[in-house]
Protein backbone atom coordinates (compact mmCIF):
# COMPACT_ATOMS: atom_id res chain seq x y z
CA UNK A 1 11.34 -18.86 5.46
CA UNK A 2 11.18 -15.64 7.44
CA UNK A 3 10.49 -15.78 11.14
CA UNK A 4 7.18 -14.31 12.28
CA UNK A 5 7.72 -14.81 15.99
CA UNK A 6 7.34 -12.62 19.06
CA UNK A 7 7.85 -8.86 18.93
CA UNK A 8 11.49 -8.21 19.72
CA UNK A 9 13.09 -4.78 19.94
CA UNK A 10 13.45 -3.62 16.32
CA UNK A 11 16.95 -3.22 15.02
CA UNK A 12 17.87 0.33 14.09
CA UNK A 13 17.10 0.94 10.44
CA UNK A 14 17.76 4.56 9.49
CA UNK A 15 15.36 6.19 7.01
CA UNK A 16 18.13 6.25 4.40
CA UNK A 17 18.61 2.47 4.55
CA UNK A 18 16.85 1.85 1.20
CA UNK A 19 19.52 3.90 -0.55
CA UNK A 20 22.36 2.16 1.26
CA UNK A 21 23.39 -0.59 -1.13
CA UNK A 22 26.10 -1.74 1.30
CA UNK A 23 23.63 -2.49 4.11
CA UNK A 24 24.05 -5.93 5.64
CA UNK A 25 21.57 -8.77 5.23
CA UNK A 26 18.64 -8.83 7.64
CA UNK A 27 18.56 -11.65 10.19
CA UNK A 28 15.65 -13.98 9.31
CA UNK A 29 14.85 -14.33 13.01
CA UNK A 30 13.58 -10.76 13.31
CA UNK A 31 12.93 -9.98 9.67
CA UNK A 32 9.26 -9.06 10.05
CA UNK A 33 10.02 -6.82 13.00
CA UNK A 34 12.54 -4.93 10.89
CA UNK A 35 10.15 -4.81 7.93
CA UNK A 36 7.44 -3.36 10.17
CA UNK A 37 9.81 -0.82 11.74
CA UNK A 38 11.14 0.24 8.34
CA UNK A 39 7.65 0.66 6.92
CA UNK A 40 6.28 2.54 9.92
CA UNK A 41 9.14 5.05 9.75
CA UNK A 42 7.90 6.06 6.29
CA UNK A 43 4.60 7.29 7.76
CA UNK A 44 5.91 10.02 10.07
CA UNK A 45 4.20 12.71 7.99
CA UNK A 46 1.45 10.61 6.48
CA UNK A 47 -2.01 11.98 5.82
CA UNK A 48 -4.88 10.54 7.82
CA UNK A 49 -6.55 8.85 4.87
CA UNK A 50 -3.45 6.78 4.07
CA UNK A 51 -1.79 6.47 7.47
CA UNK A 52 -0.11 3.61 9.32
CA UNK A 53 -3.50 2.40 10.59
CA UNK A 54 -4.59 1.86 6.99
CA UNK A 55 -1.51 -0.28 6.43
CA UNK A 56 -2.26 -2.36 9.52
CA UNK A 57 -5.85 -2.92 8.38
CA UNK A 58 -4.58 -4.03 4.97
CA UNK A 59 -2.14 -6.40 6.68
CA UNK A 60 -4.97 -7.98 8.66
CA UNK A 61 -7.08 -8.38 5.53
CA UNK A 62 -4.11 -9.95 3.74
CA UNK A 63 -3.77 -12.49 6.54
CA UNK A 64 -7.44 -13.45 6.20
CA UNK A 65 -7.56 -13.60 2.41
CA UNK A 66 -4.05 -14.96 1.88
CA UNK A 67 -4.58 -18.07 4.00
CA UNK A 68 -7.77 -18.94 2.14
CA UNK A 69 -6.13 -18.32 -1.24
CA UNK A 70 -3.09 -20.39 -0.18
CA UNK A 71 -0.45 -17.86 -1.24
CA UNK A 72 3.16 -17.29 -0.15
CA UNK A 73 2.56 -15.56 3.19
CA UNK A 74 6.18 -14.40 3.51
CA UNK A 75 5.86 -12.45 0.28
CA UNK A 76 2.39 -11.17 1.11
CA UNK A 77 3.24 -9.96 4.63
CA UNK A 78 6.30 -8.02 3.50
CA UNK A 79 4.43 -6.49 0.56
CA UNK A 80 1.47 -5.53 2.76
CA UNK A 81 3.66 -3.65 5.24
CA UNK A 82 5.52 -1.86 2.44
CA UNK A 83 2.73 -1.23 -0.07
CA UNK A 84 2.10 2.44 0.81
CA UNK A 85 5.58 3.64 1.82
CA UNK A 86 5.68 5.95 -1.21
CA UNK A 87 2.39 7.64 -0.36
CA UNK A 88 3.97 10.77 1.10
CA UNK A 89 5.70 11.48 -2.21
CA UNK A 90 2.41 11.32 -4.11
CA UNK A 91 0.66 13.62 -1.64
CA UNK A 92 3.53 16.12 -1.65
CA UNK A 93 3.48 16.23 -5.46
CA UNK A 94 -0.31 16.62 -5.69
CA UNK A 95 -0.54 13.32 -7.51
CA UNK A 96 2.30 13.84 -9.98
CA UNK A 97 4.27 10.98 -8.39
CA UNK A 98 2.67 7.52 -8.37
CA UNK A 99 3.01 6.20 -4.82
CA UNK A 100 3.00 2.58 -6.00
CA UNK A 101 5.91 3.18 -8.38
CA UNK A 102 7.79 5.24 -5.80
CA UNK A 103 7.12 2.70 -3.07
CA UNK A 104 8.52 -0.11 -5.20
CA UNK A 105 11.62 1.98 -5.86
CA UNK A 106 12.14 2.72 -2.15
CA UNK A 107 11.48 -0.87 -1.13
CA UNK A 108 13.78 -2.62 -3.60
CA UNK A 109 17.15 -2.14 -1.82
CA UNK A 110 15.56 -3.00 1.53
CA UNK A 111 13.86 -6.14 0.18
CA UNK A 112 17.15 -7.22 -1.35
CA UNK A 113 18.51 -7.65 2.19
CA UNK A 114 15.85 -10.19 3.18
CA UNK A 115 16.57 -13.92 3.34
CA UNK A 116 14.25 -14.75 0.46
CA UNK A 117 14.70 -16.17 -3.02
CA UNK A 118 15.20 -13.87 -5.99
CA UNK A 119 11.74 -14.82 -7.23
CA UNK A 120 10.14 -13.94 -3.89
CA UNK A 121 11.91 -10.57 -3.76
CA UNK A 122 10.76 -9.69 -7.27
CA UNK A 123 7.24 -10.78 -6.36
CA UNK A 124 7.22 -8.36 -3.40
CA UNK A 125 8.27 -5.46 -5.61
CA UNK A 126 5.66 -6.41 -8.20
CA UNK A 127 2.99 -6.55 -5.48
CA UNK A 128 3.83 -3.03 -4.35
CA UNK A 129 3.99 -1.65 -7.88
CA UNK A 130 0.66 -3.16 -8.98
CA UNK A 131 -1.52 -2.54 -5.92
CA UNK A 132 -2.77 0.89 -7.00
CA UNK A 133 -6.29 1.27 -8.40
CA UNK A 134 -5.17 3.76 -11.04
CA UNK A 135 -2.01 2.66 -12.79
CA UNK A 136 -1.07 0.50 -15.75
CA UNK A 137 0.46 -2.36 -13.74
CA UNK A 138 -1.91 -5.31 -13.44
CA UNK A 139 -1.47 -7.64 -10.44
CA UNK A 140 -0.08 -10.83 -11.95
CA UNK A 141 0.76 -13.13 -9.04
CA UNK A 142 -1.61 -14.63 -6.45
CA UNK A 143 0.09 -12.52 -3.77
CA UNK A 144 -0.31 -9.31 -5.79
CA UNK A 145 -4.00 -10.07 -6.31
CA UNK A 146 -4.55 -10.61 -2.58
CA UNK A 147 -2.80 -7.33 -1.73
CA UNK A 148 -4.84 -5.49 -4.38
CA UNK A 149 -8.09 -6.84 -2.95
CA UNK A 150 -7.12 -6.14 0.67
CA UNK A 151 -6.16 -2.56 -0.14
CA UNK A 152 -9.42 -1.98 -2.00
CA UNK A 153 -11.57 -3.57 0.70
CA UNK A 154 -10.30 -0.91 3.09
CA UNK A 155 -11.70 1.70 0.70
CA UNK A 156 -15.34 0.58 0.92
CA UNK A 157 -17.89 0.30 3.70
CA UNK A 158 -17.97 2.74 6.59
CA UNK A 159 -14.16 2.98 6.73
CA UNK A 160 -14.00 3.64 3.01
CA UNK A 161 -16.57 6.44 3.12
CA UNK A 162 -14.79 8.06 6.06
CA UNK A 163 -11.42 7.83 4.29
CA UNK A 164 -12.85 9.26 1.05
CA UNK A 165 -14.09 12.43 2.72
CA UNK A 166 -11.00 12.65 4.89
CA UNK A 167 -8.92 12.59 1.70
CA UNK A 168 -11.13 15.27 0.17
CA UNK A 169 -10.47 17.49 3.16
CA UNK A 170 -6.73 16.86 2.98
CA UNK A 171 -6.52 18.08 -0.62
CA UNK A 172 -8.97 20.94 -0.14
CA UNK A 173 -11.68 19.38 -2.29
CA UNK A 174 -15.38 20.20 -1.97
CA UNK A 175 -17.90 17.55 -0.96
CA UNK A 176 -19.73 17.93 -4.28
CA UNK A 177 -19.93 20.30 -7.23
CA UNK A 178 -22.96 19.84 -9.47
CA UNK A 179 -21.39 22.02 -12.16
CA UNK A 180 -18.46 19.64 -12.71
CA UNK A 181 -18.60 16.17 -14.25
CA UNK A 182 -17.19 13.87 -11.57
CA UNK A 183 -16.11 11.35 -14.21
CA UNK A 184 -13.73 13.84 -15.85
CA UNK A 185 -12.57 15.85 -12.82
CA UNK A 186 -8.94 15.24 -11.92
CA UNK A 187 -7.72 14.32 -8.42
CA UNK A 188 -5.93 17.11 -6.52
CA UNK A 189 -7.39 19.72 -8.92
CA UNK A 190 -9.73 22.64 -8.18
CA UNK A 191 -12.56 20.50 -9.58
CA UNK A 192 -11.87 17.58 -7.25
CA UNK A 193 -14.65 16.55 -4.86
CA UNK A 194 -15.37 13.86 -2.33
CA UNK A 195 -18.16 12.68 -4.60
CA UNK A 196 -15.70 12.18 -7.47
CA UNK A 197 -13.74 9.70 -5.34
CA UNK A 198 -16.91 7.71 -4.77
CA UNK A 199 -18.09 7.95 -8.36
CA UNK A 200 -14.88 6.93 -10.12
CA UNK A 201 -13.51 4.50 -7.54
CA UNK A 202 -15.48 3.37 -4.52
CA UNK A 203 -18.68 2.33 -6.28
CA UNK A 204 -16.71 0.19 -8.75
CA UNK A 205 -14.47 -1.69 -6.33
CA UNK A 206 -16.81 -4.60 -5.61
CA UNK A 207 -16.75 -5.57 -9.28
CA UNK A 208 -12.96 -5.46 -9.51
CA UNK A 209 -11.97 -7.99 -6.87
CA UNK A 210 -9.34 -10.40 -8.17
CA UNK A 211 -9.67 -13.26 -5.67
CA UNK A 212 -12.64 -15.44 -4.77
CA UNK A 213 -12.28 -14.65 -1.07
CA UNK A 214 -11.98 -10.92 -1.74
């Protein structure tokens, strides 16, 4: 069991810690503080549509849904903090890099240092890898399904609309282009629009929830 107590001063975790296979185990007493500090450091150059505030909103939604769904909250909390740490790589590559895949890769050495069972650690990595709307990894565990739903819930409603058009501005997309089929336009391309994001993703989210509470 990881401690989720008061906010202590985070231990120093350098950005290269995930690649440091010799790093020492993380003290369970301040594990979540270190997880949070590690995750936040990955958002130094994050875009506004997928920033640290998005992660915190997803964490809060995970708390609400996870307790109702009776899942492993240690696994869910860690996965929620880490789920978007690969986002900067996807943005920098104009979508060529999958942020869920990259995030799982970055997180694995760090998660290995946590005082959790092997099964829990693998579950965290699977949660991160399968949370993305557009990839071939299907959420398979209760925790992965909660994270998927929480992440998608932050993409609908007023916040979701604001984030969709913020993302369009970040990639230089138009609001709408009547001459281009939104269903076939590719993200990050010259044909990308804010409307495409709504058409292919946002309007379909409510029918793709994986948990009863979601």
